[in-house]
Amino acid sequence: MPAVLLRWVSRGAAFLLVAFLGLFAADTFAGPGDGFERLRDALLHLLPALACLLIVVVAWRKAWIGALAFSVLAGIYALWASDRPDWVLVISGPLAVVALLYAWAWWSRPKA
């Protein structure tokens, strides 16, 4: 796969991951509480998506940063939720895939 295409595939997968993690914030609007509590909960649930978006921005030119950061997040979440293997698969799995795509993009970059 050409390096330019692989770079955009890794970025695109990261944006899809951000959107996927952002969907969890929509669940807060169905729960109890007034408008302020729901908004506060939604913002708290958006923090992981915003953190991943920040990683994408920082790793825009340096794919190794994305590979490292997403793999660290996958590992941390796997340890944190080790009692729920289904959660680990659903959250850490995509994080690890995006980390691998960033690593592949970094590995196949033109060496100058």
PDB file of N, CA and C in Angstrom:
ATOM      1  N   MET A   1       0.851  -1.172   0.000  1.00  0.00           N
ATOM      2  CA  MET A   1       0.000   0.000   0.000  1.00  0.00           C
ATOM      3  C   MET A   1       0.899   1.238   0.000  1.00  0.00           C
ATOM      4  N   PRO A   2       0.601   2.193  -0.854  1.00  0.00           N
ATOM      5  CA  PRO A   2       1.429   3.406  -0.888  1.00  0.00           C
ATOM      6  C   PRO A   2       1.393   4.153   0.442  1.00  0.00           C
ATOM      7  N   ALA A   3       2.501   4.784   0.766  1.00  0.00           N
ATOM      8  CA  ALA A   3       2.653   5.454   2.061  1.00  0.00           C
ATOM      9  C   ALA A   3       1.620   6.563   2.248  1.00  0.00           C
ATOM     10  N   VAL A   4       1.330   7.314   1.196  1.00  0.00           N
ATOM     11  CA  VAL A   4       0.367   8.419   1.322  1.00  0.00           C
ATOM     12  C   VAL A   4      -1.024   7.875   1.620  1.00  0.00           C
ATOM     13  N   LEU A   5      -1.412   6.816   0.923  1.00  0.00           N
ATOM     14  CA  LEU A   5      -2.716   6.215   1.166  1.00  0.00           C
ATOM     15  C   LEU A   5      -2.786   5.636   2.575  1.00  0.00           C
ATOM     16  N   LEU A   6      -1.740   4.994   3.002  1.00  0.00           N
ATOM     17  CA  LEU A   6      -1.714   4.407   4.339  1.00  0.00           C
ATOM     18  C   LEU A   6      -1.792   5.479   5.420  1.00  0.00           C
ATOM     19  N   ARG A   7      -1.154   6.610   5.174  1.00  0.00           N
ATOM     20  CA  ARG A   7      -1.231   7.714   6.132  1.00  0.00           C
ATOM     21  C   ARG A   7      -2.668   8.190   6.279  1.00  0.00           C
ATOM     22  N   TRP A   8      -3.395   8.297   5.151  1.00  0.00           N
ATOM     23  CA  TRP A   8      -4.774   8.751   5.212  1.00  0.00           C
ATOM     24  C   TRP A   8      -5.711   7.683   5.766  1.00  0.00           C
ATOM     25  N   VAL A   9      -5.399   6.421   5.542  1.00  0.00           N
ATOM     26  CA  VAL A   9      -6.205   5.343   6.122  1.00  0.00           C
ATOM     27  C   VAL A   9      -6.092   5.369   7.640  1.00  0.00           C
ATOM     28  N   SER A  10      -4.889   5.559   8.148  1.00  0.00           N
ATOM     29  CA  SER A  10      -4.721   5.615   9.605  1.00  0.00           C
ATOM     30  C   SER A  10      -5.442   6.825  10.194  1.00  0.00           C
ATOM     31  N   ARG A  11      -5.365   7.945   9.541  1.00  0.00           N
ATOM     32  CA  ARG A  11      -6.066   9.137  10.022  1.00  0.00           C
ATOM     33  C   ARG A  11      -7.578   8.947   9.956  1.00  0.00           C
ATOM     34  N   GLY A  12      -8.051   8.385   8.851  1.00  0.00           N
ATOM     35  CA  GLY A  12      -9.484   8.136   8.703  1.00  0.00           C
ATOM     36  C   GLY A  12     -10.001   7.167   9.754  1.00  0.00           C
ATOM     37  N   ALA A  13      -9.241   6.112  10.016  1.00  0.00           N
ATOM     38  CA  ALA A  13      -9.636   5.160  11.057  1.00  0.00           C
ATOM     39  C   ALA A  13      -9.658   5.833  12.421  1.00  0.00           C
ATOM     40  N   ALA A  14      -8.735   6.736  12.655  1.00  0.00           N
ATOM     41  CA  ALA A  14      -8.711   7.457  13.934  1.00  0.00           C
ATOM     42  C   ALA A  14      -9.935   8.359  14.058  1.00  0.00           C
ATOM     43  N   PHE A  15     -10.325   9.024  12.975  1.00  0.00           N
ATOM     44  CA  PHE A  15     -11.536   9.853  13.021  1.00  0.00           C
ATOM     45  C   PHE A  15     -12.782   9.006  13.247  1.00  0.00           C
ATOM     46  N   LEU A  16     -12.835   7.828  12.630  1.00  0.00           N
ATOM     47  CA  LEU A  16     -13.961   6.923  12.883  1.00  0.00           C
ATOM     48  C   LEU A  16     -13.978   6.476  14.340  1.00  0.00           C
ATOM     49  N   LEU A  17     -12.815   6.231  14.906  1.00  0.00           N
ATOM     50  CA  LEU A  17     -12.726   5.865  16.320  1.00  0.00           C
ATOM     51  C   LEU A  17     -13.217   7.002  17.206  1.00  0.00           C
ATOM     52  N   VAL A  18     -12.844   8.232  16.880  1.00  0.00           N
ATOM     53  CA  VAL A  18     -13.314   9.393  17.643  1.00  0.00           C
ATOM     54  C   VAL A  18     -14.840   9.480  17.582  1.00  0.00           C
ATOM     55  N   ALA A  19     -15.407   9.271  16.396  1.00  0.00           N
ATOM     56  CA  ALA A  19     -16.863   9.310  16.258  1.00  0.00           C
ATOM     57  C   ALA A  19     -17.516   8.176  17.053  1.00  0.00           C
ATOM     58  N   PHE A  20     -16.921   6.991  17.021  1.00  0.00           N
ATOM     59  CA  PHE A  20     -17.449   5.852  17.763  1.00  0.00           C
ATOM     60  C   PHE A  20     -17.439   6.131  19.260  1.00  0.00           C
ATOM     61  N   LEU A  21     -16.335   6.643  19.764  1.00  0.00           N
ATOM     62  CA  LEU A  21     -16.263   6.953  21.189  1.00  0.00           C
ATOM     63  C   LEU A  21     -17.208   8.096  21.559  1.00  0.00           C
ATOM     64  N   GLY A  22     -17.417   9.022  20.644  1.00  0.00           N
ATOM     65  CA  GLY A  22     -18.333  10.123  20.889  1.00  0.00           C
ATOM     66  C   GLY A  22     -19.778   9.678  20.989  1.00  0.00           C
ATOM     67  N   LEU A  23     -20.107   8.549  20.354  1.00  0.00           N
ATOM     68  CA  LEU A  23     -21.474   8.041  20.431  1.00  0.00           C
ATOM     69  C   LEU A  23     -21.874   7.669  21.851  1.00  0.00           C
ATOM     70  N   PHE A  24     -20.912   7.315  22.681  1.00  0.00           N
ATOM     71  CA  PHE A  24     -21.234   6.945  24.055  1.00  0.00           C
ATOM     72  C   PHE A  24     -21.780   8.131  24.848  1.00  0.00           C
ATOM     73  N   ALA A  25     -21.509   9.341  24.424  1.00  0.00           N
ATOM     74  CA  ALA A  25     -22.040  10.512  25.113  1.00  0.00           C
ATOM     75  C   ALA A  25     -23.538  10.661  24.881  1.00  0.00           C
ATOM     76  N   ALA A  26     -24.050  10.131  23.781  1.00  0.00           N
ATOM     77  CA  ALA A  26     -25.481  10.245  23.500  1.00  0.00           C
ATOM     78  C   ALA A  26     -26.309   9.456  24.501  1.00  0.00           C
ATOM     79  N   ASP A  27     -25.722   8.450  25.106  1.00  0.00           N
ATOM     80  CA  ASP A  27     -26.430   7.634  26.081  1.00  0.00           C
ATOM     81  C   ASP A  27     -26.808   8.428  27.325  1.00  0.00           C
ATOM     82  N   THR A  28     -26.102   9.480  27.611  1.00  0.00           N
ATOM     83  CA  THR A  28     -26.362  10.249  28.837  1.00  0.00           C
ATOM     84  C   THR A  28     -27.659  11.036  28.756  1.00  0.00           C
ATOM     85  N   PHE A  29     -28.158  11.315  27.572  1.00  0.00           N
ATOM     86  CA  PHE A  29     -29.375  12.104  27.445  1.00  0.00           C
ATOM     87  C   PHE A  29     -30.634  11.291  27.726  1.00  0.00           C
ATOM     88  N   ALA A  30     -30.504   9.970  27.805  1.00  0.00           N
ATOM     89  CA  ALA A  30     -31.660   9.120  28.085  1.00  0.00           C
ATOM     90  C   ALA A  30     -31.839   8.866  29.579  1.00  0.00           C
ATOM     91  N   GLY A  31     -30.881   9.256  30.379  1.00  0.00           N
ATOM     92  CA  GLY A  31     -30.929   8.968  31.810  1.00  0.00           C
ATOM     93  C   GLY A  31     -31.689  10.019  32.591  1.00  0.00           C
ATOM     94  N   PRO A  32     -31.746   9.811  33.894  1.00  0.00           N
ATOM     95  CA  PRO A  32     -32.439  10.772  34.761  1.00  0.00           C
ATOM     96  C   PRO A  32     -31.607  12.032  34.957  1.00  0.00           C
ATOM     97  N   GLY A  33     -32.247  13.043  35.456  1.00  0.00           N
ATOM     98  CA  GLY A  33     -31.542  14.286  35.764  1.00  0.00           C
ATOM     99  C   GLY A  33     -32.062  15.435  34.930  1.00  0.00           C
ATOM    100  N   ASP A  34     -31.705  16.635  35.380  1.00  0.00           N
ATOM    101  CA  ASP A  34     -32.133  17.812  34.638  1.00  0.00           C
ATOM    102  C   ASP A  34     -31.172  18.099  33.495  1.00  0.00           C
ATOM    103  N   GLY A  35     -31.402  19.168  32.796  1.00  0.00           N
ATOM    104  CA  GLY A  35     -30.610  19.507  31.618  1.00  0.00           C
ATOM    105  C   GLY A  35     -29.141  19.714  31.922  1.00  0.00           C
ATOM    106  N   PHE A  36     -28.838  20.376  33.043  1.00  0.00           N
ATOM    107  CA  PHE A  36     -27.440  20.623  33.382  1.00  0.00           C
ATOM    108  C   PHE A  36     -26.697  19.329  33.685  1.00  0.00           C
ATOM    109  N   GLU A  37     -27.328  18.434  34.448  1.00  0.00           N
ATOM    110  CA  GLU A  37     -26.682  17.165  34.778  1.00  0.00           C
ATOM    111  C   GLU A  37     -26.426  16.333  33.527  1.00  0.00           C
ATOM    112  N   ARG A  38     -27.388  16.321  32.636  1.00  0.00           N
ATOM    113  CA  ARG A  38     -27.223  15.561  31.389  1.00  0.00           C
ATOM    114  C   ARG A  38     -26.114  16.153  30.529  1.00  0.00           C
ATOM    115  N   LEU A  39     -26.054  17.463  30.455  1.00  0.00           N
ATOM    116  CA  LEU A  39     -24.997  18.117  29.683  1.00  0.00           C
ATOM    117  C   LEU A  39     -23.628  17.841  30.292  1.00  0.00           C
ATOM    118  N   ARG A  40     -23.536  17.931  31.620  1.00  0.00           N
ATOM    119  CA  ARG A  40     -22.283  17.639  32.303  1.00  0.00           C
ATOM    120  C   ARG A  40     -21.845  16.193  32.050  1.00  0.00           C
ATOM    121  N   ASP A  41     -22.784  15.259  32.152  1.00  0.00           N
ATOM    122  CA  ASP A  41     -22.467  13.857  31.897  1.00  0.00           C
ATOM    123  C   ASP A  41     -22.048  13.629  30.450  1.00  0.00           C
ATOM    124  N   ALA A  42     -22.708  14.311  29.533  1.00  0.00           N
ATOM    125  CA  ALA A  42     -22.343  14.172  28.118  1.00  0.00           C
ATOM    126  C   ALA A  42     -20.927  14.684  27.872  1.00  0.00           C
ATOM    127  N   LEU A  43     -20.586  15.807  28.480  1.00  0.00           N
ATOM    128  CA  LEU A  43     -19.230  16.339  28.317  1.00  0.00           C
ATOM    129  C   LEU A  43     -18.189  15.405  28.923  1.00  0.00           C
ATOM    130  N   LEU A  44     -18.511  14.797  30.061  1.00  0.00           N
ATOM    131  CA  LEU A  44     -17.580  13.839  30.662  1.00  0.00           C
ATOM    132  C   LEU A  44     -17.403  12.608  29.772  1.00  0.00           C
ATOM    133  N   HIS A  45     -18.479  12.168  29.146  1.00  0.00           N
ATOM    134  CA  HIS A  45     -18.392  11.015  28.259  1.00  0.00           C
ATOM    135  C   HIS A  45     -17.688  11.351  26.944  1.00  0.00           C
ATOM    136  N   LEU A  46     -17.613  12.627  26.607  1.00  0.00           N
ATOM    137  CA  LEU A  46     -16.906  13.044  25.397  1.00  0.00           C
ATOM    138  C   LEU A  46     -15.396  13.176  25.607  1.00  0.00           C
ATOM    139  N   LEU A  47     -14.929  13.157  26.838  1.00  0.00           N
ATOM    140  CA  LEU A  47     -13.500  13.327  27.100  1.00  0.00           C
ATOM    141  C   LEU A  47     -12.623  12.288  26.408  1.00  0.00           C
ATOM    142  N   PRO A  48     -12.970  10.982  26.412  1.00  0.00           N
ATOM    143  CA  PRO A  48     -12.123  10.030  25.679  1.00  0.00           C
ATOM    144  C   PRO A  48     -12.062  10.330  24.183  1.00  0.00           C
ATOM    145  N   ALA A  49     -13.194  10.734  23.598  1.00  0.00           N
ATOM    146  CA  ALA A  49     -13.188  11.073  22.174  1.00  0.00           C
ATOM    147  C   ALA A  49     -12.336  12.308  21.918  1.00  0.00           C
ATOM    148  N   LEU A  50     -12.423  13.289  22.788  1.00  0.00           N
ATOM    149  CA  LEU A  50     -11.609  14.494  22.627  1.00  0.00           C
ATOM    150  C   LEU A  50     -10.130  14.196  22.817  1.00  0.00           C
ATOM    151  N   ALA A  51      -9.803  13.296  23.738  1.00  0.00           N
ATOM    152  CA  ALA A  51      -8.403  12.902  23.931  1.00  0.00           C
ATOM    153  C   ALA A  51      -7.868  12.230  22.667  1.00  0.00           C
ATOM    154  N   CYS A  52      -8.671  11.366  22.065  1.00  0.00           N
ATOM    155  CA  CYS A  52      -8.243  10.708  20.824  1.00  0.00           C
ATOM    156  C   CYS A  52      -8.118  11.710  19.685  1.00  0.00           C
ATOM    157  N   LEU A  53      -9.015  12.675  19.643  1.00  0.00           N
ATOM    158  CA  LEU A  53      -8.915  13.715  18.619  1.00  0.00           C
ATOM    159  C   LEU A  53      -7.638  14.532  18.806  1.00  0.00           C
ATOM    160  N   LEU A  54      -7.277  14.811  20.032  1.00  0.00           N
ATOM    161  CA  LEU A  54      -6.026  15.513  20.306  1.00  0.00           C
ATOM    162  C   LEU A  54      -4.826  14.694  19.832  1.00  0.00           C
ATOM    163  N   ILE A  55      -4.885  13.388  20.033  1.00  0.00           N
ATOM    164  CA  ILE A  55      -3.801  12.522  19.556  1.00  0.00           C
ATOM    165  C   ILE A  55      -3.701  12.591  18.038  1.00  0.00           C
ATOM    166  N   VAL A  56      -4.834  12.585  17.352  1.00  0.00           N
ATOM    167  CA  VAL A  56      -4.816  12.681  15.887  1.00  0.00           C
ATOM    168  C   VAL A  56      -4.167  13.989  15.452  1.00  0.00           C
ATOM    169  N   VAL A  57      -4.497  15.067  16.122  1.00  0.00           N
ATOM    170  CA  VAL A  57      -3.923  16.371  15.764  1.00  0.00           C
ATOM    171  C   VAL A  57      -2.416  16.372  16.003  1.00  0.00           C
ATOM    172  N   VAL A  58      -1.987  15.851  17.143  1.00  0.00           N
ATOM    173  CA  VAL A  58      -0.556  15.834  17.466  1.00  0.00           C
ATOM    174  C   VAL A  58       0.202  14.895  16.525  1.00  0.00           C
ATOM    175  N   ALA A  59      -0.433  13.793  16.147  1.00  0.00           N
ATOM    176  CA  ALA A  59       0.227  12.788  15.301  1.00  0.00           C
ATOM    177  C   ALA A  59       0.027  13.041  13.810  1.00  0.00           C
ATOM    178  N   TRP A  60      -0.464  14.207  13.447  1.00  0.00           N
ATOM    179  CA  TRP A  60      -0.760  14.470  12.034  1.00  0.00           C
ATOM    180  C   TRP A  60       0.476  14.309  11.146  1.00  0.00           C
ATOM    181  N   ARG A  61       1.598  14.794  11.588  1.00  0.00           N
ATOM    182  CA  ARG A  61       2.839  14.703  10.808  1.00  0.00           C
ATOM    183  C   ARG A  61       3.772  13.592  11.289  1.00  0.00           C
ATOM    184  N   LYS A  62       3.615  13.156  12.515  1.00  0.00           N
ATOM    185  CA  LYS A  62       4.492  12.133  13.096  1.00  0.00           C
ATOM    186  C   LYS A  62       3.647  10.917  13.457  1.00  0.00           C
ATOM    187  N   ALA A  63       3.592   9.952  12.549  1.00  0.00           N
ATOM    188  CA  ALA A  63       2.735   8.785  12.749  1.00  0.00           C
ATOM    189  C   ALA A  63       3.164   7.958  13.946  1.00  0.00           C
ATOM    190  N   TRP A  64       4.442   7.983  14.302  1.00  0.00           N
ATOM    191  CA  TRP A  64       4.890   7.184  15.438  1.00  0.00           C
ATOM    192  C   TRP A  64       4.249   7.654  16.734  1.00  0.00           C
ATOM    193  N   ILE A  65       3.903   8.939  16.824  1.00  0.00           N
ATOM    194  CA  ILE A  65       3.221   9.455  18.012  1.00  0.00           C
ATOM    195  C   ILE A  65       1.832   8.830  18.120  1.00  0.00           C
ATOM    196  N   GLY A  66       1.129   8.739  17.009  1.00  0.00           N
ATOM    197  CA  GLY A  66      -0.189   8.101  17.010  1.00  0.00           C
ATOM    198  C   GLY A  66      -0.092   6.634  17.370  1.00  0.00           C
ATOM    199  N   ALA A  67       0.909   5.952  16.823  1.00  0.00           N
ATOM    200  CA  ALA A  67       1.086   4.527  17.132  1.00  0.00           C
ATOM    201  C   ALA A  67       1.339   4.330  18.621  1.00  0.00           C
ATOM    202  N   LEU A  68       2.212   5.139  19.167  1.00  0.00           N
ATOM    203  CA  LEU A  68       2.545   5.014  20.581  1.00  0.00           C
ATOM    204  C   LEU A  68       1.359   5.388  21.474  1.00  0.00           C
ATOM    205  N   ALA A  69       0.736   6.519  21.196  1.00  0.00           N
ATOM    206  CA  ALA A  69      -0.342   7.010  22.057  1.00  0.00           C
ATOM    207  C   ALA A  69      -1.558   6.081  22.024  1.00  0.00           C
ATOM    208  N   PHE A  70      -1.964   5.636  20.839  1.00  0.00           N
ATOM    209  CA  PHE A  70      -3.132   4.757  20.763  1.00  0.00           C
ATOM    210  C   PHE A  70      -2.843   3.391  21.370  1.00  0.00           C
ATOM    211  N   SER A  71      -1.612   2.895  21.244  1.00  0.00           N
ATOM    212  CA  SER A  71      -1.299   1.609  21.873  1.00  0.00           C
ATOM    213  C   SER A  71      -1.257   1.742  23.392  1.00  0.00           C
ATOM    214  N   VAL A  72      -0.770   2.868  23.894  1.00  0.00           N
ATOM    215  CA  VAL A  72      -0.783   3.098  25.345  1.00  0.00           C
ATOM    216  C   VAL A  72      -2.221   3.188  25.852  1.00  0.00           C
ATOM    217  N   LEU A  73      -3.077   3.899  25.130  1.00  0.00           N
ATOM    218  CA  LEU A  73      -4.481   3.979  25.536  1.00  0.00           C
ATOM    219  C   LEU A  73      -5.147   2.609  25.519  1.00  0.00           C
ATOM    220  N   ALA A  74      -4.858   1.811  24.495  1.00  0.00           N
ATOM    221  CA  ALA A  74      -5.431   0.461  24.422  1.00  0.00           C
ATOM    222  C   ALA A  74      -4.985  -0.376  25.603  1.00  0.00           C
ATOM    223  N   GLY A  75      -3.713  -0.299  25.958  1.00  0.00           N
ATOM    224  CA  GLY A  75      -3.205  -1.046  27.092  1.00  0.00           C
ATOM    225  C   GLY A  75      -3.779  -0.584  28.415  1.00  0.00           C
ATOM    226  N   ILE A  76      -3.854   0.722  28.594  1.00  0.00           N
ATOM    227  CA  ILE A  76      -4.412   1.263  29.836  1.00  0.00           C
ATOM    228  C   ILE A  76      -5.865   0.848  29.999  1.00  0.00           C
ATOM    229  N   TYR A  77      -6.635   0.960  28.924  1.00  0.00           N
ATOM    230  CA  TYR A  77      -8.045   0.587  29.036  1.00  0.00           C
ATOM    231  C   TYR A  77      -8.198  -0.913  29.267  1.00  0.00           C
ATOM    232  N   ALA A  78      -7.353  -1.718  28.631  1.00  0.00           N
ATOM    233  CA  ALA A  78      -7.420  -3.170  28.836  1.00  0.00           C
ATOM    234  C   ALA A  78      -7.128  -3.523  30.290  1.00  0.00           C
ATOM    235  N   LEU A  79      -6.188  -2.842  30.913  1.00  0.00           N
ATOM    236  CA  LEU A  79      -5.897  -3.084  32.326  1.00  0.00           C
ATOM    237  C   LEU A  79      -7.016  -2.574  33.219  1.00  0.00           C
ATOM    238  N   TRP A  80      -7.530  -1.405  32.901  1.00  0.00           N
ATOM    239  CA  TRP A  80      -8.566  -0.788  33.715  1.00  0.00           C
ATOM    240  C   TRP A  80      -9.857  -1.603  33.697  1.00  0.00           C
ATOM    241  N   ALA A  81     -10.228  -2.139  32.547  1.00  0.00           N
ATOM    242  CA  ALA A  81     -11.481  -2.879  32.404  1.00  0.00           C
ATOM    243  C   ALA A  81     -11.233  -4.380  32.262  1.00  0.00           C
ATOM    244  N   SER A  82     -10.190  -4.891  32.891  1.00  0.00           N
ATOM    245  CA  SER A  82      -9.830  -6.298  32.720  1.00  0.00           C
ATOM    246  C   SER A  82     -10.905  -7.256  33.227  1.00  0.00           C
ATOM    247  N   ASP A  83     -11.768  -6.794  34.118  1.00  0.00           N
ATOM    248  CA  ASP A  83     -12.849  -7.647  34.592  1.00  0.00           C
ATOM    249  C   ASP A  83     -14.019  -7.714  33.611  1.00  0.00           C
ATOM    250  N   ARG A  84     -13.988  -6.905  32.554  1.00  0.00           N
ATOM    251  CA  ARG A  84     -15.035  -6.903  31.521  1.00  0.00           C
ATOM    252  C   ARG A  84     -14.395  -7.129  30.153  1.00  0.00           C
ATOM    253  N   PRO A  85     -14.121  -8.392  29.786  1.00  0.00           N
ATOM    254  CA  PRO A  85     -13.456  -8.648  28.508  1.00  0.00           C
ATOM    255  C   PRO A  85     -14.250  -8.170  27.294  1.00  0.00           C
ATOM    256  N   ASP A  86     -15.572  -8.100  27.413  1.00  0.00           N
ATOM    257  CA  ASP A  86     -16.367  -7.595  26.292  1.00  0.00           C
ATOM    258  C   ASP A  86     -16.096  -6.109  26.062  1.00  0.00           C
ATOM    259  N   TRP A  87     -15.946  -5.349  27.149  1.00  0.00           N
ATOM    260  CA  TRP A  87     -15.616  -3.929  27.013  1.00  0.00           C
ATOM    261  C   TRP A  87     -14.216  -3.756  26.435  1.00  0.00           C
ATOM    262  N   VAL A  88     -13.306  -4.589  26.900  1.00  0.00           N
ATOM    263  CA  VAL A  88     -11.922  -4.506  26.409  1.00  0.00           C
ATOM    264  C   VAL A  88     -11.897  -4.748  24.909  1.00  0.00           C
ATOM    265  N   LEU A  89     -12.649  -5.730  24.452  1.00  0.00           N
ATOM    266  CA  LEU A  89     -12.680  -6.032  23.023  1.00  0.00           C
ATOM    267  C   LEU A  89     -13.266  -4.874  22.220  1.00  0.00           C
ATOM    268  N   VAL A  90     -14.328  -4.270  22.733  1.00  0.00           N
ATOM    269  CA  VAL A  90     -15.028  -3.211  21.991  1.00  0.00           C
ATOM    270  C   VAL A  90     -14.258  -1.891  21.994  1.00  0.00           C
ATOM    271  N   ILE A  91     -13.559  -1.579  23.065  1.00  0.00           N
ATOM    272  CA  ILE A  91     -12.844  -0.298  23.161  1.00  0.00           C
ATOM    273  C   ILE A  91     -11.362  -0.456  22.832  1.00  0.00           C
ATOM    274  N   SER A  92     -10.679  -1.376  23.488  1.00  0.00           N
ATOM    275  CA  SER A  92      -9.243  -1.531  23.244  1.00  0.00           C
ATOM    276  C   SER A  92      -8.950  -2.115  21.876  1.00  0.00           C
ATOM    277  N   GLY A  93      -9.856  -2.933  21.357  1.00  0.00           N
ATOM    278  CA  GLY A  93      -9.651  -3.509  20.026  1.00  0.00           C
ATOM    279  C   GLY A  93      -9.483  -2.445  18.951  1.00  0.00           C
ATOM    280  N   PRO A  94     -10.469  -1.538  18.802  1.00  0.00           N
ATOM    281  CA  PRO A  94     -10.301  -0.471  17.817  1.00  0.00           C
ATOM    282  C   PRO A  94      -9.104   0.442  18.095  1.00  0.00           C
ATOM    283  N   LEU A  95      -8.826   0.698  19.373  1.00  0.00           N
ATOM    284  CA  LEU A  95      -7.650   1.508  19.699  1.00  0.00           C
ATOM    285  C   LEU A  95      -6.381   0.821  19.211  1.00  0.00           C
ATOM    286  N   ALA A  96      -6.297  -0.497  19.409  1.00  0.00           N
ATOM    287  CA  ALA A  96      -5.117  -1.243  18.968  1.00  0.00           C
ATOM    288  C   ALA A  96      -5.026  -1.280  17.450  1.00  0.00           C
ATOM    289  N   VAL A  97      -6.156  -1.411  16.763  1.00  0.00           N
ATOM    290  CA  VAL A  97      -6.146  -1.418  15.295  1.00  0.00           C
ATOM    291  C   VAL A  97      -5.644  -0.083  14.761  1.00  0.00           C
ATOM    292  N   VAL A  98      -6.134   1.001  15.328  1.00  0.00           N
ATOM    293  CA  VAL A  98      -5.681   2.333  14.900  1.00  0.00           C
ATOM    294  C   VAL A  98      -4.193   2.496  15.204  1.00  0.00           C
ATOM    295  N   ALA A  99      -3.736   2.005  16.342  1.00  0.00           N
ATOM    296  CA  ALA A  99      -2.304   2.065  16.669  1.00  0.00           C
ATOM    297  C   ALA A  99      -1.488   1.296  15.642  1.00  0.00           C
ATOM    298  N   LEU A 100      -1.963   0.125  15.252  1.00  0.00           N
ATOM    299  CA  LEU A 100      -1.252  -0.657  14.237  1.00  0.00           C
ATOM    300  C   LEU A 100      -1.228   0.050  12.883  1.00  0.00           C
ATOM    301  N   LEU A 101      -2.330   0.702  12.529  1.00  0.00           N
ATOM    302  CA  LEU A 101      -2.355   1.449  11.264  1.00  0.00           C
ATOM    303  C   LEU A 101      -1.368   2.609  11.290  1.00  0.00           C
ATOM    304  N   TYR A 102      -1.309   3.309  12.408  1.00  0.00           N
ATOM    305  CA  TYR A 102      -0.324   4.390  12.534  1.00  0.00           C
ATOM    306  C   TYR A 102       1.103   3.841  12.482  1.00  0.00           C
ATOM    307  N   ALA A 103       1.335   2.707  13.134  1.00  0.00           N
ATOM    308  CA  ALA A 103       2.668   2.104  13.100  1.00  0.00           C
ATOM    309  C   ALA A 103       3.039   1.688  11.684  1.00  0.00           C
ATOM    310  N   TRP A 104       2.094   1.127  10.968  1.00  0.00           N
ATOM    311  CA  TRP A 104       2.338   0.718   9.590  1.00  0.00           C
ATOM    312  C   TRP A 104       2.614   1.938   8.714  1.00  0.00           C
ATOM    313  N   ALA A 105       1.856   3.007   8.921  1.00  0.00           N
ATOM    314  CA  ALA A 105       2.084   4.241   8.162  1.00  0.00           C
ATOM    315  C   ALA A 105       3.470   4.804   8.463  1.00  0.00           C
ATOM    316  N   TRP A 106       3.873   4.744   9.718  1.00  0.00           N
ATOM    317  CA  TRP A 106       5.208   5.242  10.080  1.00  0.00           C
ATOM    318  C   TRP A 106       6.285   4.359   9.476  1.00  0.00           C
ATOM    319  N   TRP A 107       6.079   3.060   9.528  1.00  0.00           N
ATOM    320  CA  TRP A 107       7.082   2.124   9.015  1.00  0.00           C
ATOM    321  C   TRP A 107       7.252   2.255   7.500  1.00  0.00           C
ATOM    322  N   SER A 108       6.161   2.532   6.790  1.00  0.00           N
ATOM    323  CA  SER A 108       6.226   2.586   5.327  1.00  0.00           C
ATOM    324  C   SER A 108       6.442   4.004   4.799  1.00  0.00           C
ATOM    325  N   ARG A 109       6.728   4.952   5.667  1.00  0.00           N
ATOM    326  CA  ARG A 109       6.950   6.339   5.223  1.00  0.00           C
ATOM    327  C   ARG A 109       8.216   6.399   4.386  1.00  0.00           C
ATOM    328  N   PRO A 110       8.300   7.355   3.502  1.00  0.00           N
ATOM    329  CA  PRO A 110       9.526   7.526   2.738  1.00  0.00           C
ATOM    330  C   PRO A 110      10.667   7.963   3.661  1.00  0.00           C
ATOM    331  N   LYS A 111      11.740   7.271   3.601  1.00  0.00           N
ATOM    332  CA  LYS A 111      12.908   7.591   4.433  1.00  0.00           C
ATOM    333  C   LYS A 111      13.738   8.651   3.717  1.00  0.00           C
ATOM    334  N   ALA A 112      13.874   9.800   4.360  1.00  0.00           N
ATOM    335  CA  ALA A 112      14.627  10.881   3.721  1.00  0.00           C
ATOM    336  C   ALA A 112      15.843  11.259   4.489  1.00  0.00           C
TER     337      ALA A 112
END
